[in-house]
């Protein structure tokens, strides 16, 4: 699952996540700099990972790691990324886009 605000994810990160799952990990996380995550991949459904999480807080990643451990899942993590949640994040996004995209 990937949020639409995860501007730091590209083809390389998606391929890496798929590769980790194909290599036998049951889950893969793409940590976000703000304490959440930009990507989560699972090789099977695990709804308990998402119930009762304090979303949009800096504790989301830590809570998800705890849940993965409680579920007994083997997981791997990608290098940290970032998403667009604040005006500062939007400025960062704008500075990373080609000049041909003036709509942002």
Protein backbone atom coordinates (compact mmCIF):
# COMPACT_ATOMS: atom_id res chain seq x y z
CA UNK A 1 0.00 0.00 0.00
CA UNK A 2 1.36 3.39 -0.97
CA UNK A 3 -0.03 6.77 -0.01
CA UNK A 4 -0.57 9.33 -2.74
CA UNK A 5 1.50 11.79 -0.73
CA UNK A 6 4.66 9.69 -0.81
CA UNK A 7 6.72 11.75 -3.21
CA UNK A 8 10.02 10.14 -2.27
CA UNK A 9 9.01 6.76 -3.69
CA UNK A 10 10.17 5.90 -7.14
CA UNK A 11 10.60 2.84 -9.28
CA UNK A 12 13.81 1.82 -7.50
CA UNK A 13 12.14 1.78 -4.07
CA UNK A 14 9.14 -0.16 -5.36
CA UNK A 15 11.39 -2.73 -7.02
CA UNK A 16 13.43 -3.04 -3.82
CA UNK A 17 10.27 -3.62 -1.78
CA UNK A 18 9.03 -6.28 -4.19
CA UNK A 19 12.46 -7.89 -4.17
CA UNK A 20 12.46 -8.13 -0.38
CA UNK A 21 9.04 -9.77 -0.42
CA UNK A 22 10.13 -12.15 -3.19
CA UNK A 23 13.25 -13.02 -1.17
CA UNK A 24 11.07 -14.37 1.63
CA UNK A 25 10.34 -11.46 3.94
CA UNK A 26 6.71 -11.44 5.01
CA UNK A 27 6.55 -7.66 5.16
CA UNK A 28 8.49 -4.61 4.07
CA UNK A 29 8.34 -1.08 5.48
CA UNK A 30 9.45 2.17 3.95
CA UNK A 31 9.97 4.40 7.01
CA UNK A 32 9.12 8.09 6.74
CA UNK A 33 11.23 10.82 8.29
CA UNK A 34 8.19 11.99 10.31
CA UNK A 35 7.72 8.73 12.24
CA UNK A 36 5.25 7.12 9.88
CA UNK A 37 5.89 5.15 6.74
CA UNK A 38 5.67 5.78 3.03
CA UNK A 39 5.15 2.14 2.05
CA UNK A 40 4.07 -1.11 3.58
CA UNK A 41 4.12 -4.36 1.67
CA UNK A 42 2.80 -7.70 2.88
CA UNK A 43 2.85 -11.13 1.33
CA UNK A 44 -0.56 -11.86 2.91
CA UNK A 45 -3.31 -9.83 4.57
CA UNK A 46 -2.75 -8.89 8.22
CA UNK A 47 -5.58 -6.54 9.27
CA UNK A 48 -4.42 -6.36 12.91
CA UNK A 49 -1.50 -4.21 11.78
CA UNK A 50 -3.88 -1.35 11.00
CA UNK A 51 -6.46 -1.48 13.80
CA UNK A 52 -6.26 1.08 16.59
CA UNK A 53 -3.22 2.91 15.21
CA UNK A 54 -2.93 6.60 16.13
CA UNK A 55 -2.65 7.69 12.49
CA UNK A 56 -0.92 10.94 11.54
CA UNK A 57 1.28 10.85 14.61
CA UNK A 58 5.04 10.32 14.98
CA UNK A 59 4.37 6.93 16.62
CA UNK A 60 2.88 5.14 13.59
CA UNK A 61 6.12 3.46 12.49
CA UNK A 62 7.02 2.31 16.01
CA UNK A 63 3.50 0.96 16.57
CA UNK A 64 3.61 -0.88 13.24
CA UNK A 65 6.99 -2.41 14.06
CA UNK A 66 5.58 -3.63 17.40
CA UNK A 67 2.56 -5.12 15.63
CA UNK A 68 4.74 -6.87 13.06
CA UNK A 69 6.73 -8.41 15.94
CA UNK A 70 3.56 -9.42 17.79
CA UNK A 71 2.26 -11.08 14.62
CA UNK A 72 5.54 -12.99 14.32
CA UNK A 73 6.22 -11.57 10.86
CA UNK A 74 9.72 -11.30 9.44
CA UNK A 75 10.12 -7.85 7.89
CA UNK A 76 12.74 -5.72 6.19
CA UNK A 77 12.97 -1.96 5.84
CA UNK A 78 13.88 0.34 3.01
CA UNK A 79 15.95 3.48 3.59
CA UNK A 80 13.86 6.31 5.06
CA UNK A 81 11.76 8.44 2.73
CA UNK A 82 9.42 11.38 3.18
CA UNK A 83 5.86 12.30 2.39
CA UNK A 84 3.91 15.51 1.92
CA UNK A 85 2.02 16.43 5.10
CA UNK A 86 3.00 20.03 5.79
CA UNK A 87 3.69 23.27 3.88
CA UNK A 88 7.42 22.62 4.37
CA UNK A 89 6.99 19.18 2.77
CA UNK A 90 5.21 20.79 -0.18
CA UNK A 91 8.11 23.21 -0.63
CA UNK A 92 10.49 20.25 -0.57
CA UNK A 93 8.39 18.52 -3.22
CA UNK A 94 8.37 21.63 -5.40
CA UNK A 95 12.14 21.93 -5.15
CA UNK A 96 12.52 18.32 -6.31
CA UNK A 97 10.22 18.56 -9.34
CA UNK A 98 11.25 19.55 -12.84
CA UNK A 99 10.44 23.17 -13.71
CA UNK A 100 8.02 21.91 -16.40
CA UNK A 101 5.42 21.10 -13.71
CA UNK A 102 4.10 24.53 -12.66
CA UNK A 103 0.77 23.15 -11.37
CA UNK A 104 2.23 22.65 -7.88
